[in-house]
């Protein structure tokens, strides 16, 4: 095969599916650009980015030895966008110390005791019905 992993070549989009686009590298070789490799941005609908017959520049990501399947990327041929400046995290407000039980929250231990009690009561009811 004349193609090498890591090389960049030009191809023609021959088919589009929801999961990606098939790109012909020449008359005998075709590869798949997975939807995640189309753009640096999120791609909801691949048809918004590519169309059949379009010429695209792709990077060869992988060539399976046994099957000859070729994995391609359009995204890797483009410069990565500048990282967006993240807003500074807001300082957390400290909550006044309170007894969690006073607000209606039970600790895990208390909940476990309650669940066991309910389970035992239900089992006792079932046993009574079975004895009748």
N, C-alpha and C. Protein backbone atom coordinates (compact mmCIF):
# COMPACT_ATOMS: atom_id res chain seq x y z
N UNK A 1 0.85 -1.18 0.00
CA UNK A 1 0.00 0.00 0.00
C UNK A 1 0.90 1.24 0.00
N UNK A 2 0.51 2.21 -0.76
CA UNK A 2 1.35 3.41 -0.90
C UNK A 2 1.09 4.47 0.16
N UNK A 3 0.15 4.22 1.04
CA UNK A 3 -0.19 5.20 2.08
C UNK A 3 0.45 4.81 3.40
N UNK A 4 0.86 5.83 4.17
CA UNK A 4 1.49 5.59 5.46
C UNK A 4 0.72 6.30 6.55
N UNK A 5 0.69 5.69 7.73
CA UNK A 5 0.05 6.31 8.88
C UNK A 5 0.78 7.60 9.20
N UNK A 6 0.03 8.67 9.40
CA UNK A 6 0.61 9.97 9.73
C UNK A 6 0.71 10.89 8.53
N UNK A 7 0.58 10.34 7.32
CA UNK A 7 0.68 11.20 6.13
C UNK A 7 -0.64 11.92 5.88
N UNK A 8 -0.55 13.07 5.22
CA UNK A 8 -1.73 13.87 4.88
C UNK A 8 -1.92 13.80 3.37
N UNK A 9 -3.14 13.47 2.97
CA UNK A 9 -3.47 13.34 1.55
C UNK A 9 -4.79 14.03 1.25
N UNK A 10 -5.06 14.21 -0.03
CA UNK A 10 -6.32 14.80 -0.45
C UNK A 10 -7.22 13.67 -0.92
N UNK A 11 -8.50 13.77 -0.59
CA UNK A 11 -9.46 12.75 -0.99
C UNK A 11 -10.79 13.37 -1.34
N UNK A 12 -11.70 12.51 -1.81
CA UNK A 12 -13.02 12.98 -2.23
C UNK A 12 -14.08 12.23 -1.43
N UNK A 13 -15.02 12.97 -0.86
CA UNK A 13 -16.10 12.36 -0.07
C UNK A 13 -16.99 11.58 -1.02
N UNK A 14 -17.14 10.26 -0.74
CA UNK A 14 -17.96 9.40 -1.60
C UNK A 14 -19.27 8.98 -0.95
N UNK A 15 -19.35 9.13 0.36
CA UNK A 15 -20.58 8.75 1.04
C UNK A 15 -20.61 9.32 2.45
N UNK A 16 -21.82 9.58 2.93
CA UNK A 16 -21.98 10.12 4.28
C UNK A 16 -23.00 9.28 5.03
N UNK A 17 -22.64 8.91 6.22
CA UNK A 17 -23.52 8.17 7.13
C UNK A 17 -23.57 8.96 8.43
N UNK A 18 -24.53 8.67 9.32
CA UNK A 18 -24.61 9.41 10.58
C UNK A 18 -23.34 9.30 11.43
N UNK A 19 -22.58 8.22 11.27
CA UNK A 19 -21.39 8.00 12.09
C UNK A 19 -20.11 8.53 11.46
N UNK A 20 -20.15 8.95 10.18
CA UNK A 20 -18.94 9.45 9.54
C UNK A 20 -19.07 9.55 8.04
N UNK A 21 -17.94 9.82 7.39
CA UNK A 21 -17.92 10.00 5.93
C UNK A 21 -16.87 9.10 5.32
N UNK A 22 -17.20 8.52 4.16
CA UNK A 22 -16.25 7.71 3.42
C UNK A 22 -15.53 8.62 2.43
N UNK A 23 -14.21 8.50 2.40
CA UNK A 23 -13.39 9.35 1.55
C UNK A 23 -12.51 8.47 0.67
N UNK A 24 -12.62 8.67 -0.65
CA UNK A 24 -11.78 7.94 -1.60
C UNK A 24 -10.44 8.65 -1.71
N UNK A 25 -9.36 7.89 -1.47
CA UNK A 25 -8.02 8.44 -1.57
C UNK A 25 -7.50 8.33 -3.01
N UNK A 26 -7.94 7.27 -3.68
CA UNK A 26 -7.65 7.05 -5.10
C UNK A 26 -8.70 6.07 -5.61
N UNK A 27 -8.47 5.49 -6.78
CA UNK A 27 -9.46 4.57 -7.36
C UNK A 27 -9.59 3.25 -6.60
N UNK A 28 -8.56 2.86 -5.85
CA UNK A 28 -8.60 1.58 -5.15
C UNK A 28 -8.68 1.68 -3.62
N UNK A 29 -8.45 2.84 -3.05
CA UNK A 29 -8.39 2.96 -1.60
C UNK A 29 -9.40 3.99 -1.09
N UNK A 30 -10.10 3.56 -0.06
CA UNK A 30 -11.11 4.42 0.57
C UNK A 30 -10.97 4.28 2.08
N UNK A 31 -11.24 5.35 2.80
CA UNK A 31 -11.16 5.31 4.25
C UNK A 31 -12.38 5.97 4.88
N UNK A 32 -12.44 5.88 6.19
CA UNK A 32 -13.56 6.45 6.93
C UNK A 32 -13.08 7.56 7.85
N UNK A 33 -13.77 8.69 7.79
CA UNK A 33 -13.55 9.78 8.75
C UNK A 33 -14.70 9.67 9.74
N UNK A 34 -14.39 9.23 10.96
CA UNK A 34 -15.42 9.13 12.00
C UNK A 34 -15.93 10.52 12.31
N UNK A 35 -17.19 10.63 12.72
CA UNK A 35 -17.80 11.94 13.00
C UNK A 35 -16.99 12.73 14.03
N UNK A 36 -16.33 12.04 14.95
CA UNK A 36 -15.53 12.73 15.97
C UNK A 36 -14.24 13.32 15.40
N UNK A 37 -13.89 12.93 14.18
CA UNK A 37 -12.66 13.41 13.55
C UNK A 37 -12.92 14.42 12.44
N UNK A 38 -14.15 14.94 12.35
CA UNK A 38 -14.50 15.90 11.30
C UNK A 38 -14.05 17.31 11.66
N UNK A 39 -14.24 17.69 12.92
CA UNK A 39 -13.98 19.06 13.34
C UNK A 39 -13.53 19.08 14.80
N UNK A 40 -12.87 20.17 15.17
CA UNK A 40 -12.50 20.35 16.58
C UNK A 40 -13.74 20.65 17.42
N UNK A 41 -14.77 21.19 16.80
CA UNK A 41 -16.01 21.48 17.50
C UNK A 41 -16.91 20.25 17.49
N UNK A 42 -17.95 20.28 18.33
CA UNK A 42 -18.92 19.19 18.37
C UNK A 42 -19.68 19.15 17.05
N UNK A 43 -19.80 17.97 16.47
CA UNK A 43 -20.53 17.80 15.21
C UNK A 43 -21.81 17.01 15.51
N UNK A 44 -22.93 17.71 15.45
CA UNK A 44 -24.21 17.05 15.69
C UNK A 44 -24.67 16.34 14.42
N UNK A 45 -24.60 17.04 13.28
CA UNK A 45 -25.00 16.47 12.00
C UNK A 45 -23.84 16.64 11.02
N UNK A 46 -23.29 15.53 10.59
CA UNK A 46 -22.13 15.55 9.70
C UNK A 46 -22.44 16.26 8.38
N UNK A 47 -23.71 16.25 7.97
CA UNK A 47 -24.11 16.90 6.72
C UNK A 47 -23.93 18.42 6.77
N UNK A 48 -23.84 18.97 7.96
CA UNK A 48 -23.59 20.41 8.11
C UNK A 48 -22.13 20.76 7.79
N UNK A 49 -21.26 19.74 7.76
CA UNK A 49 -19.83 19.97 7.57
C UNK A 49 -19.30 19.43 6.24
N UNK A 50 -19.89 18.34 5.76
CA UNK A 50 -19.39 17.68 4.55
C UNK A 50 -20.53 17.37 3.59
N UNK A 51 -20.17 17.22 2.32
CA UNK A 51 -21.14 16.79 1.31
C UNK A 51 -20.45 15.85 0.34
N UNK A 52 -21.24 14.96 -0.26
CA UNK A 52 -20.70 14.00 -1.22
C UNK A 52 -20.11 14.78 -2.40
N UNK A 53 -18.92 14.39 -2.80
CA UNK A 53 -18.24 15.04 -3.92
C UNK A 53 -17.23 16.10 -3.48
N UNK A 54 -17.28 16.50 -2.21
CA UNK A 54 -16.36 17.52 -1.71
C UNK A 54 -14.94 16.96 -1.63
N UNK A 55 -13.98 17.78 -1.95
CA UNK A 55 -12.57 17.41 -1.81
C UNK A 55 -12.10 17.87 -0.43
N UNK A 56 -11.48 16.94 0.30
CA UNK A 56 -11.04 17.24 1.66
C UNK A 56 -9.60 16.78 1.86
N UNK A 57 -8.92 17.44 2.77
CA UNK A 57 -7.58 17.04 3.17
C UNK A 57 -7.73 16.18 4.41
N UNK A 58 -7.14 14.99 4.40
CA UNK A 58 -7.27 14.06 5.52
C UNK A 58 -5.90 13.56 5.96
N UNK A 59 -5.83 13.21 7.23
CA UNK A 59 -4.61 12.60 7.77
C UNK A 59 -4.92 11.13 8.01
N UNK A 60 -4.01 10.26 7.62
CA UNK A 60 -4.19 8.82 7.81
C UNK A 60 -3.83 8.50 9.26
N UNK A 61 -4.83 8.04 10.01
CA UNK A 61 -4.65 7.76 11.43
C UNK A 61 -4.25 6.30 11.69
N UNK A 62 -4.82 5.38 10.90
CA UNK A 62 -4.57 3.97 11.13
C UNK A 62 -4.88 3.19 9.86
N UNK A 63 -4.11 2.13 9.62
CA UNK A 63 -4.39 1.20 8.53
C UNK A 63 -4.34 -0.19 9.14
N UNK A 64 -5.48 -0.88 9.14
CA UNK A 64 -5.52 -2.23 9.70
C UNK A 64 -4.83 -3.18 8.73
N UNK A 65 -3.88 -3.94 9.25
CA UNK A 65 -3.10 -4.86 8.40
C UNK A 65 -3.97 -5.91 7.74
N UNK A 66 -4.80 -6.58 8.53
CA UNK A 66 -5.57 -7.71 8.01
C UNK A 66 -6.63 -7.28 7.01
N UNK A 67 -7.42 -6.29 7.38
CA UNK A 67 -8.56 -5.90 6.53
C UNK A 67 -8.22 -4.78 5.55
N UNK A 68 -7.19 -4.01 5.85
CA UNK A 68 -6.84 -2.89 4.98
C UNK A 68 -7.70 -1.66 5.22
N UNK A 69 -8.53 -1.68 6.27
CA UNK A 69 -9.38 -0.52 6.57
C UNK A 69 -8.51 0.67 6.96
N UNK A 70 -8.90 1.84 6.44
CA UNK A 70 -8.12 3.04 6.69
C UNK A 70 -8.96 4.02 7.51
N UNK A 71 -8.41 4.45 8.64
CA UNK A 71 -9.07 5.46 9.48
C UNK A 71 -8.46 6.82 9.17
N UNK A 72 -9.33 7.79 8.94
CA UNK A 72 -8.88 9.12 8.52
C UNK A 72 -9.36 10.19 9.49
N UNK A 73 -8.70 11.36 9.44
CA UNK A 73 -9.10 12.49 10.26
C UNK A 73 -8.98 13.78 9.46
N UNK A 74 -10.03 14.56 9.47
CA UNK A 74 -9.97 15.90 8.90
C UNK A 74 -9.49 16.87 9.98
N UNK A 75 -9.95 16.62 11.19
CA UNK A 75 -9.64 17.48 12.33
C UNK A 75 -8.13 17.61 12.55
N UNK A 76 -7.39 16.52 12.35
CA UNK A 76 -5.94 16.52 12.60
C UNK A 76 -5.18 17.31 11.53
N UNK A 77 -5.84 17.69 10.45
CA UNK A 77 -5.16 18.49 9.42
C UNK A 77 -5.34 19.98 9.68
N UNK A 78 -6.15 20.31 10.68
CA UNK A 78 -6.45 21.71 10.99
C UNK A 78 -5.76 22.11 12.28
N UNK A 79 -5.41 23.37 12.36
CA UNK A 79 -4.81 23.87 13.60
C UNK A 79 -5.85 23.84 14.71
N UNK A 80 -5.42 23.44 15.88
CA UNK A 80 -6.33 23.41 17.02
C UNK A 80 -6.71 24.83 17.41
N UNK A 81 -7.98 25.05 17.73
CA UNK A 81 -8.39 26.39 18.12
C UNK A 81 -7.75 26.79 19.45
N UNK A 82 -7.61 28.07 19.65
CA UNK A 82 -7.07 28.57 20.92
C UNK A 82 -8.02 28.16 22.04
N UNK A 83 -7.47 27.70 23.15
CA UNK A 83 -8.34 27.32 24.26
C UNK A 83 -9.12 28.54 24.75
N UNK A 84 -10.38 28.30 25.02
CA UNK A 84 -11.22 29.39 25.51
C UNK A 84 -10.84 29.71 26.94
N UNK A 85 -10.82 31.00 27.24
CA UNK A 85 -10.50 31.44 28.59
C UNK A 85 -11.64 31.04 29.51
N UNK A 86 -11.33 30.24 30.48
CA UNK A 86 -12.35 29.80 31.44
C UNK A 86 -12.58 30.92 32.45
N UNK A 87 -13.84 31.19 32.76
CA UNK A 87 -14.09 32.20 33.78
C UNK A 87 -13.53 31.74 35.13
N UNK A 88 -13.11 32.69 35.89
CA UNK A 88 -12.56 32.36 37.21
C UNK A 88 -13.65 31.73 38.06
N UNK A 89 -13.33 30.68 38.77
CA UNK A 89 -14.36 30.04 39.59
C UNK A 89 -14.86 30.99 40.67
N UNK A 90 -16.14 30.93 40.89
CA UNK A 90 -16.71 31.77 41.94
C UNK A 90 -16.32 31.21 43.30
N UNK A 91 -16.00 32.07 44.22
CA UNK A 91 -15.66 31.56 45.56
C UNK A 91 -16.88 30.91 46.19
N UNK A 92 -16.65 29.81 46.86
CA UNK A 92 -17.76 29.10 47.51
C UNK A 92 -18.15 29.82 48.79
N UNK A 93 -19.44 29.89 48.98
CA UNK A 93 -19.94 30.48 50.23
C UNK A 93 -19.96 29.40 51.29
N UNK A 94 -19.51 29.77 52.44
CA UNK A 94 -19.56 28.82 53.55
C UNK A 94 -20.96 28.84 54.15
N UNK A 95 -21.47 27.66 54.35
CA UNK A 95 -22.79 27.56 54.97
C UNK A 95 -22.61 27.49 56.48
N UNK A 96 -23.54 28.08 57.18
CA UNK A 96 -23.44 27.99 58.65
C UNK A 96 -23.60 26.54 59.08
N UNK A 97 -22.83 26.16 60.09
CA UNK A 97 -22.90 24.79 60.59
C UNK A 97 -24.28 24.54 61.17
N UNK A 98 -24.91 23.48 60.69
CA UNK A 98 -26.23 23.11 61.20
C UNK A 98 -26.28 21.61 61.36
N UNK A 99 -27.18 21.20 62.19
CA UNK A 99 -27.42 19.78 62.37
C UNK A 99 -28.23 19.32 61.16
N UNK A 100 -27.68 18.40 60.36
CA UNK A 100 -28.37 17.94 59.16
C UNK A 100 -29.74 17.37 59.47
N UNK A 101 -29.87 16.70 60.62
CA UNK A 101 -31.15 16.10 60.97
C UNK A 101 -32.21 17.16 61.22
N UNK A 102 -31.78 18.35 61.63
CA UNK A 102 -32.73 19.42 61.88
C UNK A 102 -33.39 19.87 60.59
N UNK A 103 -32.73 19.68 59.46
CA UNK A 103 -33.30 20.08 58.18
C UNK A 103 -33.97 18.92 57.47
N UNK A 104 -34.09 17.79 58.12
CA UNK A 104 -34.78 16.66 57.52
C UNK A 104 -33.87 15.68 56.79
N UNK A 105 -32.57 15.82 56.93
CA UNK A 105 -31.67 14.89 56.29
C UNK A 105 -31.24 13.83 57.29
N UNK A 106 -31.22 12.59 56.84
CA UNK A 106 -30.77 11.50 57.70
C UNK A 106 -29.37 11.08 57.28
N UNK A 107 -28.61 10.63 58.24
CA UNK A 107 -27.31 10.09 57.91
C UNK A 107 -27.51 8.73 57.27
N UNK A 108 -26.50 8.23 56.61
CA UNK A 108 -26.59 6.93 55.96
C UNK A 108 -26.89 5.83 56.98
N UNK A 109 -26.29 5.95 58.15
CA UNK A 109 -26.53 4.95 59.19
C UNK A 109 -28.01 4.95 59.61
N UNK A 110 -28.58 6.14 59.77
CA UNK A 110 -29.99 6.23 60.16
C UNK A 110 -30.89 5.68 59.06
N UNK A 111 -30.56 5.98 57.80
CA UNK A 111 -31.35 5.47 56.68
C UNK A 111 -31.27 3.95 56.62
N UNK A 112 -30.09 3.40 56.84
CA UNK A 112 -29.92 1.96 56.81
C UNK A 112 -30.78 1.30 57.89
N UNK A 113 -30.80 1.86 59.10
CA UNK A 113 -31.64 1.32 60.17
C UNK A 113 -33.11 1.36 59.77
N UNK A 114 -33.52 2.47 59.15
CA UNK A 114 -34.92 2.61 58.72
C UNK A 114 -35.25 1.59 57.64
N UNK A 115 -34.35 1.41 56.68
CA UNK A 115 -34.60 0.44 55.60
C UNK A 115 -34.68 -0.98 56.15
N UNK A 116 -33.82 -1.31 57.09
CA UNK A 116 -33.85 -2.64 57.69
C UNK A 116 -35.15 -2.85 58.46
N UNK A 117 -35.59 -1.84 59.19
CA UNK A 117 -36.84 -1.94 59.93
C UNK A 117 -38.01 -2.16 58.97
N UNK A 118 -38.07 -1.36 57.91
CA UNK A 118 -39.15 -1.51 56.92
C UNK A 118 -39.11 -2.89 56.27
N UNK A 119 -37.91 -3.36 55.96
CA UNK A 119 -37.76 -4.67 55.33
C UNK A 119 -38.25 -5.78 56.25
N UNK A 120 -37.88 -5.68 57.53
CA UNK A 120 -38.32 -6.69 58.50
C UNK A 120 -39.83 -6.67 58.67
N UNK A 121 -40.43 -5.47 58.67
CA UNK A 121 -41.88 -5.37 58.80
C UNK A 121 -42.57 -5.99 57.59
N UNK A 122 -42.07 -5.73 56.42
CA UNK A 122 -42.66 -6.30 55.20
C UNK A 122 -42.52 -7.82 55.19
N UNK A 123 -41.36 -8.30 55.60
CA UNK A 123 -41.15 -9.75 55.66
C UNK A 123 -42.11 -10.39 56.65
N UNK A 124 -42.33 -9.74 57.78
CA UNK A 124 -43.26 -10.27 58.78
C UNK A 124 -44.67 -10.32 58.21
N UNK A 125 -45.09 -9.30 57.46
CA UNK A 125 -46.42 -9.31 56.85
C UNK A 125 -46.55 -10.44 55.83
N UNK A 126 -45.51 -10.65 55.06
CA UNK A 126 -45.54 -11.73 54.07
C UNK A 126 -45.63 -13.08 54.77
N UNK A 127 -44.87 -13.26 55.84
CA UNK A 127 -44.89 -14.51 56.59
C UNK A 127 -46.28 -14.77 57.18
N UNK A 128 -46.95 -13.71 57.69
CA UNK A 128 -48.30 -13.86 58.24
C UNK A 128 -49.27 -14.33 57.17
N UNK A 129 -49.19 -13.73 55.97
CA UNK A 129 -50.08 -14.11 54.87
C UNK A 129 -49.84 -15.56 54.44
N UNK A 130 -48.59 -15.99 54.46
CA UNK A 130 -48.28 -17.35 54.04
C UNK A 130 -48.77 -18.37 55.06
N UNK A 131 -48.82 -18.02 56.34
CA UNK A 131 -49.25 -18.95 57.39
C UNK A 131 -50.77 -19.11 57.39
N UNK A 132 -51.51 -18.15 56.88
CA UNK A 132 -52.98 -18.22 56.91
C UNK A 132 -53.51 -19.22 55.95
